[in-house]
Amino acid sequence: MENYRASAHTRFDIKYHFVWTTKYRKPVLAGQVGVRLRELVREVCRTNDIEILQGHVSRDHVHILVSAPPNMSASKIMQYIKGKSSRKLMMEFRHLN
C-alpha cells in the first residue's frame, strides 16, 4: 500500500507505458531537440499531476512510464503531451518543418 497515490476520495495506482515515434521514424530528436522535448514532457506532466516513473528519448522515438490520476484517460494524457510538445518544438526549431 505504500506505492499508492491518494486524492481526496480515492487511492490509486494507475500506470501507463506510452511509446510514440516521429513521422517516418526520422531521427530528429537528437541533441537540443531531445533535451527540449524532455523538458516539455516534464512540464506537461507536472501541471497535470502526472508522475513520470521512467522515461527515455531516443533519436526517433520516446518511451515514458507514468502514473496518472483516475480522472485522466490515456488518450487525454497523450493529447496534452504530444500537442504541447509538437507545437513548441515546431516553433522553436524551424528545421523540423
C-alpha atoms as a PDB file:
ATOM      1  CA  MET A   1       0.000   0.000   0.000  1.00  0.00           C
ATOM      2  CA  GLU A   2       2.961   2.371   0.251  1.00  0.00           C
ATOM      3  CA  ASN A   3       3.146   2.844  -3.541  1.00  0.00           C
ATOM      4  CA  TYR A   4      -0.445   4.005  -3.897  1.00  0.00           C
ATOM      5  CA  ARG A   5      -1.205   7.653  -4.599  1.00  0.00           C
ATOM      6  CA  ALA A   6      -4.131   9.370  -2.944  1.00  0.00           C
ATOM      7  CA  SER A   7      -6.546  12.140  -3.786  1.00  0.00           C
ATOM      8  CA  ALA A   8      -9.473  13.482  -1.770  1.00  0.00           C
ATOM      9  CA  HIS A   9     -11.667  10.371  -2.082  1.00  0.00           C
ATOM     10  CA  THR A  10      -9.555   7.703  -3.778  1.00  0.00           C
ATOM     11  CA  ARG A  11      -6.365   5.706  -3.538  1.00  0.00           C
ATOM     12  CA  PHE A  12      -4.938   4.634  -6.867  1.00  0.00           C
ATOM     13  CA  ASP A  13      -2.009   3.096  -8.689  1.00  0.00           C
ATOM     14  CA  ILE A  14      -2.698   3.581 -12.403  1.00  0.00           C
ATOM     15  CA  LYS A  15       0.322   3.270 -14.680  1.00  0.00           C
ATOM     16  CA  TYR A  16       0.590   3.738 -18.431  1.00  0.00           C
ATOM     17  CA  HIS A  17       3.513   2.914 -20.707  1.00  0.00           C
ATOM     18  CA  PHE A  18       3.498   5.170 -23.757  1.00  0.00           C
ATOM     19  CA  VAL A  19       5.699   4.853 -26.830  1.00  0.00           C
ATOM     20  CA  TRP A  20       5.458   7.183 -29.799  1.00  0.00           C
ATOM     21  CA  THR A  21       7.601   7.691 -32.870  1.00  0.00           C
ATOM     22  CA  THR A  22       8.437  10.545 -35.157  1.00  0.00           C
ATOM     23  CA  LYS A  23       6.876  10.657 -38.592  1.00  0.00           C
ATOM     24  CA  TYR A  24       8.574   8.096 -40.857  1.00  0.00           C
ATOM     25  CA  ARG A  25      10.879   7.310 -37.877  1.00  0.00           C
ATOM     26  CA  LYS A  26      13.140  10.210 -38.875  1.00  0.00           C
ATOM     27  CA  PRO A  27      15.982  10.671 -36.328  1.00  0.00           C
ATOM     28  CA  VAL A  28      15.203  14.293 -35.419  1.00  0.00           C
ATOM     29  CA  LEU A  29      15.056  14.003 -31.606  1.00  0.00           C
ATOM     30  CA  ALA A  30      18.826  14.217 -31.170  1.00  0.00           C
ATOM     31  CA  GLY A  31      20.758  16.992 -29.441  1.00  0.00           C
ATOM     32  CA  GLN A  32      18.937  20.134 -28.368  1.00  0.00           C
ATOM     33  CA  VAL A  33      15.606  18.941 -29.758  1.00  0.00           C
ATOM     34  CA  GLY A  34      15.669  15.870 -27.499  1.00  0.00           C
ATOM     35  CA  VAL A  35      16.639  17.916 -24.445  1.00  0.00           C
ATOM     36  CA  ARG A  36      13.852  20.416 -25.098  1.00  0.00           C
ATOM     37  CA  LEU A  37      11.340  17.598 -25.650  1.00  0.00           C
ATOM     38  CA  ARG A  38      12.291  16.114 -22.274  1.00  0.00           C
ATOM     39  CA  GLU A  39      11.718  19.495 -20.591  1.00  0.00           C
ATOM     40  CA  LEU A  40       8.324  19.930 -22.283  1.00  0.00           C
ATOM     41  CA  VAL A  41       7.113  16.457 -21.292  1.00  0.00           C
ATOM     42  CA  ARG A  42       8.154  17.087 -17.681  1.00  0.00           C
ATOM     43  CA  GLU A  43       6.359  20.438 -17.692  1.00  0.00           C
ATOM     44  CA  VAL A  44       3.106  18.994 -19.045  1.00  0.00           C
ATOM     45  CA  CYS A  45       3.186  16.143 -16.539  1.00  0.00           C
ATOM     46  CA  ARG A  46       3.888  18.483 -13.637  1.00  0.00           C
ATOM     47  CA  THR A  47       0.949  20.740 -14.483  1.00  0.00           C
ATOM     48  CA  ASN A  48      -1.499  17.807 -14.842  1.00  0.00           C
ATOM     49  CA  ASP A  49      -0.471  15.891 -11.673  1.00  0.00           C
ATOM     50  CA  ILE A  50       1.100  13.063 -13.681  1.00  0.00           C
ATOM     51  CA  GLU A  51       4.130  11.391 -12.156  1.00  0.00           C
ATOM     52  CA  ILE A  52       6.869  10.218 -14.546  1.00  0.00           C
ATOM     53  CA  LEU A  53       8.292   6.927 -13.272  1.00  0.00           C
ATOM     54  CA  GLN A  54      10.680   6.264 -16.160  1.00  0.00           C
ATOM     55  CA  GLY A  55      11.380   7.842 -19.498  1.00  0.00           C
ATOM     56  CA  HIS A  56      13.749   7.785 -22.430  1.00  0.00           C
ATOM     57  CA  VAL A  57      14.066   9.997 -25.504  1.00  0.00           C
ATOM     58  CA  SER A  58      15.764   8.240 -28.451  1.00  0.00           C
ATOM     59  CA  ARG A  59      16.585   9.723 -31.841  1.00  0.00           C
ATOM     60  CA  ASP A  60      13.325   8.534 -33.405  1.00  0.00           C
ATOM     61  CA  HIS A  61      11.002   7.522 -30.551  1.00  0.00           C
ATOM     62  CA  VAL A  62      10.063   8.247 -26.939  1.00  0.00           C
ATOM     63  CA  HIS A  63       9.206   5.873 -24.063  1.00  0.00           C
ATOM     64  CA  ILE A  64       7.583   7.032 -20.832  1.00  0.00           C
ATOM     65  CA  LEU A  65       6.065   5.164 -17.906  1.00  0.00           C
ATOM     66  CA  VAL A  66       3.681   7.404 -15.995  1.00  0.00           C
ATOM     67  CA  SER A  67       1.381   7.198 -13.013  1.00  0.00           C
ATOM     68  CA  ALA A  68      -1.789   9.196 -13.618  1.00  0.00           C
ATOM     69  CA  PRO A  69      -4.862  10.087 -11.586  1.00  0.00           C
ATOM     70  CA  PRO A  70      -8.071   8.169 -12.358  1.00  0.00           C
ATOM     71  CA  ASN A  71      -9.844  11.208 -13.802  1.00  0.00           C
ATOM     72  CA  MET A  72      -7.462  11.346 -16.807  1.00  0.00           C
ATOM     73  CA  SER A  73      -7.746   8.898 -19.677  1.00  0.00           C
ATOM     74  CA  ALA A  74      -4.740   7.628 -21.587  1.00  0.00           C
ATOM     75  CA  SER A  75      -5.826   9.429 -24.742  1.00  0.00           C
ATOM     76  CA  LYS A  76      -6.178  12.746 -22.887  1.00  0.00           C
ATOM     77  CA  ILE A  77      -2.679  12.385 -21.404  1.00  0.00           C
ATOM     78  CA  MET A  78      -1.183  11.816 -24.840  1.00  0.00           C
ATOM     79  CA  GLN A  79      -3.216  14.679 -26.288  1.00  0.00           C
ATOM     80  CA  TYR A  80      -1.698  17.046 -23.709  1.00  0.00           C
ATOM     81  CA  ILE A  81       1.865  15.758 -24.077  1.00  0.00           C
ATOM     82  CA  LYS A  82       2.051  15.435 -27.858  1.00  0.00           C
ATOM     83  CA  GLY A  83       0.012  18.551 -28.562  1.00  0.00           C
ATOM     84  CA  LYS A  84       2.080  20.925 -26.463  1.00  0.00           C
ATOM     85  CA  SER A  85       5.460  19.390 -27.285  1.00  0.00           C
ATOM     86  CA  SER A  86       4.798  19.267 -31.027  1.00  0.00           C
ATOM     87  CA  ARG A  87       3.647  22.870 -31.206  1.00  0.00           C
ATOM     88  CA  LYS A  88       6.526  24.234 -29.116  1.00  0.00           C
ATOM     89  CA  LEU A  89       9.196  22.200 -30.937  1.00  0.00           C
ATOM     90  CA  MET A  90       7.943  23.338 -34.347  1.00  0.00           C
ATOM     91  CA  MET A  91       8.019  26.978 -33.240  1.00  0.00           C
ATOM     92  CA  GLU A  92      11.494  26.779 -31.660  1.00  0.00           C
ATOM     93  CA  PHE A  93      13.276  24.556 -34.209  1.00  0.00           C
ATOM     94  CA  ARG A  94      12.416  25.655 -37.754  1.00  0.00           C
ATOM     95  CA  HIS A  95      14.373  22.795 -39.365  1.00  0.00           C
ATOM     96  CA  LEU A  96      11.723  20.325 -38.134  1.00  0.00           C
ATOM     97  CA  ASN A  97       9.086  21.662 -40.546  1.00  0.00           C
END
